[in-house]
Each structure stands twice: as structure tokens, then as C-alpha cells.
Amino acid sequence: MFANFVLTSIVGAVVAAAQSIECARNYTVHLGDVCDTISASQNSSTYQLAHVNPNIDEGCTNLALGEPLCLGEVGHDCQDTYVISSGDGCWAISQTFGIGLDILLANNPNVASDCSNIYPNEASFGLADAQTES
């Protein structure tokens, strides 16, 4: 058990060092986890999760049980997220949460300006970011 903890700590340190990112929060992959469920349960947008963990492949198919993940970068950790529902669009989401469409898109650079690349159950939207809040 201790050897596993040491190995996990070493792997986590190597991943963080390779990224040159100071993690605000961490998460350990559990059996059955996929990026969308991790993002939704941990209030981390899917973009943020992918951005701070460049080792995750595009389809999120290479997560390993016990793998340490960074959930957000210190100073840019968006913890106010929204899980997409069927029929959602960027304008409606921005209106619902009272934030400008420009801020919504700035916080989510992975989202097309016409919102055509979002899908239900994606924890896609970071609603507030330390960089853009006033």
C-alpha cells in the first residue's frame, strides 16, 4: 500500500513538473471515471481538465485507475461550472447565469463562437474565472 502511495506521489510530481502548472486542486482517477463525470462531480470544466492535464488524449480514453489529475491551475481555477442540457445554447446559458456572452466564451476557449460544439452532459462551461471576474 505504501509503495503505491509513493509511486502515485512520484507520478503526480512528474506530471505537475512536466506541465509547469501549480495545481489548485487534485483528483485521483476512480474505476469508471471519464472526463465528463470527473468535470461535473469536481466542478471543473472539461476544457480546464484537458488544459491542465495535457497527457489526457482527445477522447479521454487513456485515464488510468489511481492516476493523479490536476483540476485547476492556481489563479485560474474555475470552480463555478454548468453541465450542458439538451437544447442549451451559449446565449441562453449566459442569460440564465447573468454573465456576458463574451465572458462565457473567454472562459471557455474550446467552445465555438456559435456554440455548435457543445453536447449534453458535458461540464463544458466555466461560468467564472479568476482572470475575468471584476
N, C-alpha and C. Protein backbone atom coordinates (compact mmCIF):
# COMPACT_ATOMS: atom_id res chain seq x y z
N MET A 1 0.82 -1.19 0.00
CA MET A 1 0.00 0.00 0.00
C MET A 1 0.87 1.26 0.00
N PHE A 2 1.87 1.29 0.86
CA PHE A 2 2.75 2.46 0.92
C PHE A 2 3.49 2.66 -0.39
N ALA A 3 3.94 1.55 -1.01
CA ALA A 3 4.65 1.64 -2.29
C ALA A 3 3.75 2.27 -3.34
N ASN A 4 2.47 1.93 -3.34
CA ASN A 4 1.52 2.51 -4.28
C ASN A 4 1.39 4.00 -4.03
N PHE A 5 1.33 4.42 -2.77
CA PHE A 5 1.23 5.84 -2.43
C PHE A 5 2.46 6.60 -2.92
N VAL A 6 3.63 6.02 -2.69
CA VAL A 6 4.87 6.67 -3.12
C VAL A 6 4.90 6.78 -4.63
N LEU A 7 4.54 5.69 -5.34
CA LEU A 7 4.52 5.71 -6.80
C LEU A 7 3.54 6.75 -7.30
N THR A 8 2.34 6.81 -6.73
CA THR A 8 1.35 7.79 -7.13
C THR A 8 1.87 9.20 -6.89
N SER A 9 2.51 9.43 -5.77
CA SER A 9 3.06 10.75 -5.47
C SER A 9 4.14 11.13 -6.45
N ILE A 10 4.99 10.17 -6.80
CA ILE A 10 6.06 10.44 -7.76
C ILE A 10 5.48 10.75 -9.13
N VAL A 11 4.51 9.94 -9.56
CA VAL A 11 3.87 10.18 -10.85
C VAL A 11 3.21 11.56 -10.86
N GLY A 12 2.50 11.91 -9.79
CA GLY A 12 1.86 13.22 -9.70
C GLY A 12 2.87 14.34 -9.76
N ALA A 13 3.99 14.19 -9.09
CA ALA A 13 5.03 15.23 -9.11
C ALA A 13 5.64 15.36 -10.50
N VAL A 14 5.84 14.22 -11.18
CA VAL A 14 6.40 14.26 -12.53
C VAL A 14 5.43 14.93 -13.49
N VAL A 15 4.14 14.59 -13.39
CA VAL A 15 3.13 15.20 -14.26
C VAL A 15 3.07 16.70 -14.01
N ALA A 16 3.02 17.13 -12.75
CA ALA A 16 2.94 18.55 -12.44
C ALA A 16 4.21 19.28 -12.91
N ALA A 17 5.37 18.66 -12.72
CA ALA A 17 6.61 19.30 -13.14
C ALA A 17 6.67 19.43 -14.66
N ALA A 18 6.20 18.40 -15.36
CA ALA A 18 6.21 18.43 -16.82
C ALA A 18 5.29 19.53 -17.34
N GLN A 19 4.22 19.80 -16.61
CA GLN A 19 3.25 20.80 -17.04
C GLN A 19 3.67 22.21 -16.65
N SER A 20 4.51 22.35 -15.66
CA SER A 20 4.88 23.66 -15.11
C SER A 20 3.63 24.41 -14.64
N ILE A 21 2.70 23.67 -14.09
CA ILE A 21 1.44 24.24 -13.59
C ILE A 21 1.36 23.96 -12.10
N GLU A 22 0.99 24.99 -11.35
CA GLU A 22 0.75 24.80 -9.94
C GLU A 22 -0.73 24.48 -9.76
N CYS A 23 -1.01 23.26 -9.35
CA CYS A 23 -2.39 22.80 -9.23
C CYS A 23 -3.09 23.40 -8.02
N ALA A 24 -4.29 23.91 -8.25
CA ALA A 24 -5.11 24.43 -7.15
C ALA A 24 -5.84 23.30 -6.45
N ARG A 25 -6.20 22.28 -7.23
CA ARG A 25 -6.92 21.12 -6.69
C ARG A 25 -6.45 19.88 -7.43
N ASN A 26 -6.53 18.74 -6.76
CA ASN A 26 -6.13 17.48 -7.37
C ASN A 26 -7.25 16.46 -7.25
N TYR A 27 -7.18 15.42 -8.07
CA TYR A 27 -8.17 14.36 -8.08
C TYR A 27 -7.47 13.06 -8.46
N THR A 28 -7.89 11.96 -7.89
CA THR A 28 -7.35 10.65 -8.24
C THR A 28 -8.41 9.89 -9.01
N VAL A 29 -8.06 9.35 -10.17
CA VAL A 29 -8.99 8.63 -11.04
C VAL A 29 -9.50 7.37 -10.35
N HIS A 30 -10.83 7.20 -10.38
CA HIS A 30 -11.50 6.03 -9.82
C HIS A 30 -12.02 5.15 -10.95
N LEU A 31 -12.33 3.92 -10.63
CA LEU A 31 -12.88 2.97 -11.59
C LEU A 31 -14.14 3.55 -12.23
N GLY A 32 -14.19 3.56 -13.55
CA GLY A 32 -15.37 4.04 -14.27
C GLY A 32 -15.35 5.53 -14.60
N ASP A 33 -14.37 6.26 -14.12
CA ASP A 33 -14.29 7.69 -14.39
C ASP A 33 -14.06 7.98 -15.87
N VAL A 34 -14.72 9.01 -16.35
CA VAL A 34 -14.46 9.60 -17.66
C VAL A 34 -14.38 11.11 -17.44
N CYS A 35 -13.83 11.82 -18.39
CA CYS A 35 -13.59 13.26 -18.20
C CYS A 35 -14.86 14.03 -17.83
N ASP A 36 -15.96 13.75 -18.51
CA ASP A 36 -17.19 14.50 -18.23
C ASP A 36 -17.69 14.27 -16.81
N THR A 37 -17.63 13.03 -16.31
CA THR A 37 -18.11 12.78 -14.95
C THR A 37 -17.16 13.39 -13.92
N ILE A 38 -15.86 13.34 -14.19
CA ILE A 38 -14.91 13.97 -13.28
C ILE A 38 -15.17 15.48 -13.25
N SER A 39 -15.28 16.07 -14.43
CA SER A 39 -15.52 17.52 -14.51
C SER A 39 -16.78 17.92 -13.77
N ALA A 40 -17.87 17.18 -14.02
CA ALA A 40 -19.15 17.52 -13.39
C ALA A 40 -19.10 17.35 -11.88
N SER A 41 -18.53 16.25 -11.41
CA SER A 41 -18.52 15.99 -9.97
C SER A 41 -17.54 16.87 -9.21
N GLN A 42 -16.51 17.37 -9.89
CA GLN A 42 -15.48 18.15 -9.22
C GLN A 42 -15.55 19.65 -9.55
N ASN A 43 -16.60 20.08 -10.26
CA ASN A 43 -16.77 21.48 -10.64
C ASN A 43 -15.53 22.02 -11.35
N SER A 44 -15.14 21.31 -12.39
CA SER A 44 -14.01 21.71 -13.23
C SER A 44 -14.48 21.56 -14.67
N SER A 45 -14.37 22.60 -15.47
CA SER A 45 -14.84 22.48 -16.85
C SER A 45 -13.99 21.46 -17.60
N THR A 46 -14.57 20.85 -18.63
CA THR A 46 -13.83 19.85 -19.41
C THR A 46 -12.61 20.49 -20.06
N TYR A 47 -12.73 21.75 -20.48
CA TYR A 47 -11.59 22.45 -21.05
C TYR A 47 -10.48 22.58 -20.01
N GLN A 48 -10.85 23.03 -18.82
CA GLN A 48 -9.87 23.22 -17.76
C GLN A 48 -9.17 21.90 -17.44
N LEU A 49 -9.93 20.80 -17.35
CA LEU A 49 -9.35 19.49 -17.06
C LEU A 49 -8.35 19.10 -18.15
N ALA A 50 -8.72 19.28 -19.40
CA ALA A 50 -7.83 18.93 -20.51
C ALA A 50 -6.61 19.85 -20.56
N HIS A 51 -6.83 21.13 -20.30
CA HIS A 51 -5.74 22.12 -20.37
C HIS A 51 -4.64 21.85 -19.35
N VAL A 52 -5.02 21.52 -18.14
CA VAL A 52 -4.02 21.32 -17.09
C VAL A 52 -3.49 19.89 -17.03
N ASN A 53 -4.06 19.01 -17.86
CA ASN A 53 -3.60 17.61 -17.95
C ASN A 53 -3.39 17.25 -19.42
N PRO A 54 -2.36 17.79 -20.05
CA PRO A 54 -2.17 17.55 -21.48
C PRO A 54 -1.90 16.09 -21.84
N ASN A 55 -1.67 15.26 -20.83
CA ASN A 55 -1.47 13.83 -21.07
C ASN A 55 -2.78 13.11 -21.39
N ILE A 56 -3.92 13.73 -21.11
CA ILE A 56 -5.21 13.11 -21.42
C ILE A 56 -5.44 13.23 -22.92
N ASP A 57 -5.78 12.09 -23.58
CA ASP A 57 -5.99 12.15 -25.03
C ASP A 57 -7.34 12.79 -25.35
N GLU A 58 -7.54 13.12 -26.63
CA GLU A 58 -8.73 13.87 -27.05
C GLU A 58 -10.04 13.19 -26.70
N GLY A 59 -10.08 11.87 -26.74
CA GLY A 59 -11.30 11.15 -26.41
C GLY A 59 -11.42 10.77 -24.95
N CYS A 60 -10.43 11.16 -24.16
CA CYS A 60 -10.40 10.85 -22.72
C CYS A 60 -10.46 9.34 -22.50
N THR A 61 -9.73 8.61 -23.32
CA THR A 61 -9.77 7.15 -23.23
C THR A 61 -8.55 6.57 -22.53
N ASN A 62 -7.64 7.43 -22.09
CA ASN A 62 -6.40 6.90 -21.52
C ASN A 62 -6.25 7.18 -20.02
N LEU A 63 -7.36 7.35 -19.31
CA LEU A 63 -7.28 7.52 -17.86
C LEU A 63 -6.93 6.19 -17.22
N ALA A 64 -6.08 6.22 -16.21
CA ALA A 64 -5.68 5.00 -15.51
C ALA A 64 -6.15 5.07 -14.06
N LEU A 65 -6.65 3.95 -13.56
CA LEU A 65 -7.08 3.85 -12.17
C LEU A 65 -5.95 4.31 -11.25
N GLY A 66 -6.24 5.23 -10.36
CA GLY A 66 -5.25 5.74 -9.42
C GLY A 66 -4.41 6.88 -9.95
N GLU A 67 -4.62 7.26 -11.21
CA GLU A 67 -3.85 8.34 -11.82
C GLU A 67 -4.19 9.68 -11.15
N PRO A 68 -3.19 10.46 -10.77
CA PRO A 68 -3.47 11.78 -10.21
C PRO A 68 -3.72 12.78 -11.33
N LEU A 69 -4.74 13.60 -11.16
CA LEU A 69 -5.06 14.65 -12.12
C LEU A 69 -5.08 15.99 -11.42
N CYS A 70 -4.71 17.01 -12.16
CA CYS A 70 -4.83 18.38 -11.69
C CYS A 70 -6.20 18.88 -12.16
N LEU A 71 -6.95 19.54 -11.29
CA LEU A 71 -8.29 20.01 -11.67
C LEU A 71 -8.31 21.48 -12.06
N GLY A 72 -7.32 22.23 -11.65
CA GLY A 72 -7.28 23.65 -11.99
C GLY A 72 -5.95 24.26 -11.61
N GLU A 73 -5.60 25.29 -12.32
CA GLU A 73 -4.34 25.99 -12.09
C GLU A 73 -4.55 27.11 -11.07
N VAL A 74 -3.62 27.27 -10.15
CA VAL A 74 -3.70 28.33 -9.15
C VAL A 74 -3.87 29.67 -9.88
N GLY A 75 -4.85 30.45 -9.48
CA GLY A 75 -5.13 31.75 -10.08
C GLY A 75 -6.05 31.69 -11.29
N HIS A 76 -6.31 30.49 -11.80
CA HIS A 76 -7.19 30.32 -12.96
C HIS A 76 -8.09 29.12 -12.78
N ASP A 77 -8.47 28.83 -11.55
CA ASP A 77 -9.27 27.65 -11.24
C ASP A 77 -10.74 28.01 -11.22
N CYS A 78 -11.41 27.72 -12.31
CA CYS A 78 -12.83 27.99 -12.43
C CYS A 78 -13.62 26.86 -11.78
N GLN A 79 -14.23 27.13 -10.64
CA GLN A 79 -14.99 26.11 -9.92
C GLN A 79 -16.50 26.29 -10.07
N ASP A 80 -16.91 27.32 -10.76
CA ASP A 80 -18.33 27.58 -10.99
C ASP A 80 -18.64 27.11 -12.40
N THR A 81 -19.18 25.89 -12.50
CA THR A 81 -19.40 25.28 -13.81
C THR A 81 -20.87 24.93 -14.04
N TYR A 82 -21.17 24.61 -15.26
CA TYR A 82 -22.52 24.24 -15.65
C TYR A 82 -22.46 23.02 -16.56
N VAL A 83 -23.27 22.02 -16.28
CA VAL A 83 -23.36 20.83 -17.11
C VAL A 83 -24.42 21.07 -18.19
N ILE A 84 -24.02 20.90 -19.43
CA ILE A 84 -24.88 21.17 -20.58
C ILE A 84 -26.10 20.24 -20.59
N SER A 85 -27.27 20.82 -20.88
CA SER A 85 -28.51 20.06 -21.05
C SER A 85 -28.89 20.07 -22.52
N SER A 86 -29.68 19.14 -22.92
CA SER A 86 -30.15 19.07 -24.31
C SER A 86 -30.86 20.38 -24.67
N GLY A 87 -30.53 20.94 -25.82
CA GLY A 87 -31.14 22.17 -26.28
C GLY A 87 -30.46 23.45 -25.82
N ASP A 88 -29.46 23.34 -24.96
CA ASP A 88 -28.75 24.53 -24.47
C ASP A 88 -27.97 25.21 -25.59
N GLY A 89 -27.86 26.51 -25.47
CA GLY A 89 -27.03 27.31 -26.36
C GLY A 89 -26.27 28.34 -25.54
N CYS A 90 -25.23 28.89 -26.10
CA CYS A 90 -24.38 29.83 -25.36
C CYS A 90 -25.15 31.06 -24.89
N TRP A 91 -25.94 31.65 -25.76
CA TRP A 91 -26.65 32.87 -25.39
C TRP A 91 -27.61 32.60 -24.22
N ALA A 92 -28.37 31.52 -24.29
CA ALA A 92 -29.33 31.19 -23.22
C ALA A 92 -28.60 30.93 -21.90
N ILE A 93 -27.47 30.23 -21.96
CA ILE A 93 -26.71 29.96 -20.74
C ILE A 93 -26.18 31.27 -20.15
N SER A 94 -25.66 32.14 -21.00
CA SER A 94 -25.14 33.41 -20.48
C SER A 94 -26.26 34.23 -19.85
N GLN A 95 -27.44 34.22 -20.45
CA GLN A 95 -28.58 34.95 -19.88
C GLN A 95 -29.03 34.33 -18.56
N THR A 96 -29.10 33.02 -18.51
CA THR A 96 -29.54 32.33 -17.29
C THR A 96 -28.65 32.67 -16.11
N PHE A 97 -27.33 32.74 -16.35
CA PHE A 97 -26.40 32.97 -15.26
C PHE A 97 -25.97 34.43 -15.13
N GLY A 98 -26.52 35.30 -15.96
CA GLY A 98 -26.26 36.73 -15.84
C GLY A 98 -24.82 37.13 -16.13
N ILE A 99 -24.20 36.45 -17.08
CA ILE A 99 -22.85 36.84 -17.50
C ILE A 99 -22.87 37.12 -18.99
N GLY A 100 -22.01 37.98 -19.41
CA GLY A 100 -21.95 38.32 -20.83
C GLY A 100 -21.48 37.15 -21.67
N LEU A 101 -21.98 37.08 -22.89
CA LEU A 101 -21.57 36.03 -23.82
C LEU A 101 -20.07 36.09 -24.05
N ASP A 102 -19.51 37.30 -24.11
CA ASP A 102 -18.06 37.43 -24.31
C ASP A 102 -17.27 36.82 -23.17
N ILE A 103 -17.74 36.99 -21.94
CA ILE A 103 -17.07 36.39 -20.77
C ILE A 103 -17.22 34.87 -20.81
N LEU A 104 -18.41 34.40 -21.13
CA LEU A 104 -18.66 32.96 -21.22
C LEU A 104 -17.72 32.31 -22.23
N LEU A 105 -17.59 32.91 -23.40
CA LEU A 105 -16.71 32.36 -24.44
C LEU A 105 -15.23 32.52 -24.07
N ALA A 106 -14.87 33.61 -23.41
CA ALA A 106 -13.48 33.80 -22.97
C ALA A 106 -13.08 32.75 -21.93
N ASN A 107 -14.02 32.40 -21.06
CA ASN A 107 -13.76 31.39 -20.04
C ASN A 107 -13.74 29.98 -20.61
N ASN A 108 -14.22 29.82 -21.83
CA ASN A 108 -14.34 28.51 -22.46
C ASN A 108 -13.80 28.55 -23.88
N PRO A 109 -12.49 28.72 -24.04
CA PRO A 109 -11.92 28.89 -25.38
C PRO A 109 -12.07 27.67 -26.27
N ASN A 110 -12.47 26.55 -25.71
CA ASN A 110 -12.71 25.35 -26.50
C ASN A 110 -14.06 25.37 -27.20
N VAL A 111 -14.93 26.29 -26.82
CA VAL A 111 -16.29 26.36 -27.37
C VAL A 111 -16.30 27.29 -28.57
N ALA A 112 -16.89 26.80 -29.67
CA ALA A 112 -17.01 27.61 -30.88
C ALA A 112 -17.90 28.82 -30.61
N SER A 113 -17.64 29.91 -31.29
CA SER A 113 -18.40 31.14 -31.04
C SER A 113 -19.89 30.97 -31.32
N ASP A 114 -20.25 30.01 -32.18
CA ASP A 114 -21.67 29.75 -32.44
C ASP A 114 -22.22 28.63 -31.55
N CYS A 115 -21.37 28.14 -30.62
CA CYS A 115 -21.77 27.14 -29.62
C CYS A 115 -22.13 25.79 -30.27
N SER A 116 -21.63 25.55 -31.46
CA SER A 116 -22.01 24.34 -32.20
C SER A 116 -21.30 23.08 -31.71
N ASN A 117 -20.31 23.21 -30.85
CA ASN A 117 -19.57 22.03 -30.45
C ASN A 117 -19.76 21.65 -28.97
N ILE A 118 -20.93 21.97 -28.41
CA ILE A 118 -21.24 21.52 -27.06
C ILE A 118 -22.22 20.37 -27.15
N TYR A 119 -22.27 19.55 -26.10
CA TYR A 119 -23.17 18.39 -26.11
C TYR A 119 -23.70 18.14 -24.70
N PRO A 120 -24.88 17.52 -24.61
CA PRO A 120 -25.48 17.26 -23.30
C PRO A 120 -24.56 16.44 -22.40
N ASN A 121 -24.59 16.76 -21.12
CA ASN A 121 -23.82 16.12 -20.06
C ASN A 121 -22.36 16.54 -20.02
N GLU A 122 -21.97 17.45 -20.90
CA GLU A 122 -20.61 17.97 -20.86
C GLU A 122 -20.55 19.07 -19.80
N ALA A 123 -19.56 18.98 -18.92
CA ALA A 123 -19.35 20.06 -17.95
C ALA A 123 -18.46 21.08 -18.63
N SER A 124 -18.98 21.64 -19.70
CA SER A 124 -18.19 22.44 -20.60
C SER A 124 -17.94 23.85 -20.11
N PHE A 125 -18.87 24.41 -19.44
CA PHE A 125 -18.80 25.84 -19.19
C PHE A 125 -18.28 26.21 -17.83
N GLY A 126 -17.16 26.91 -17.85
CA GLY A 126 -16.70 27.61 -16.67
C GLY A 126 -17.44 28.93 -16.68
N LEU A 127 -18.20 29.19 -15.65
CA LEU A 127 -19.03 30.40 -15.62
C LEU A 127 -18.28 31.60 -15.07
N ALA A 128 -17.26 31.38 -14.26
CA ALA A 128 -16.49 32.49 -13.71
C ALA A 128 -15.04 32.05 -13.65
N ASP A 129 -14.15 32.99 -13.86
CA ASP A 129 -12.72 32.68 -13.86
C ASP A 129 -12.02 33.78 -13.09
N ALA A 130 -11.01 33.41 -12.34
CA ALA A 130 -10.27 34.39 -11.54
C ALA A 130 -9.73 35.53 -12.40
N GLN A 131 -9.44 35.24 -13.67
CA GLN A 131 -8.90 36.27 -14.55
C GLN A 131 -9.95 37.27 -15.00
N THR A 132 -11.20 36.84 -15.13
CA THR A 132 -12.20 37.71 -15.73
C THR A 132 -13.19 38.30 -14.74
N GLU A 133 -13.20 37.83 -13.51
CA GLU A 133 -14.12 38.41 -12.54
C GLU A 133 -13.70 39.83 -12.19
N SER A 134 -14.68 40.67 -11.90
CA SER A 134 -14.36 42.05 -11.50
C SER A 134 -14.48 42.19 -10.01
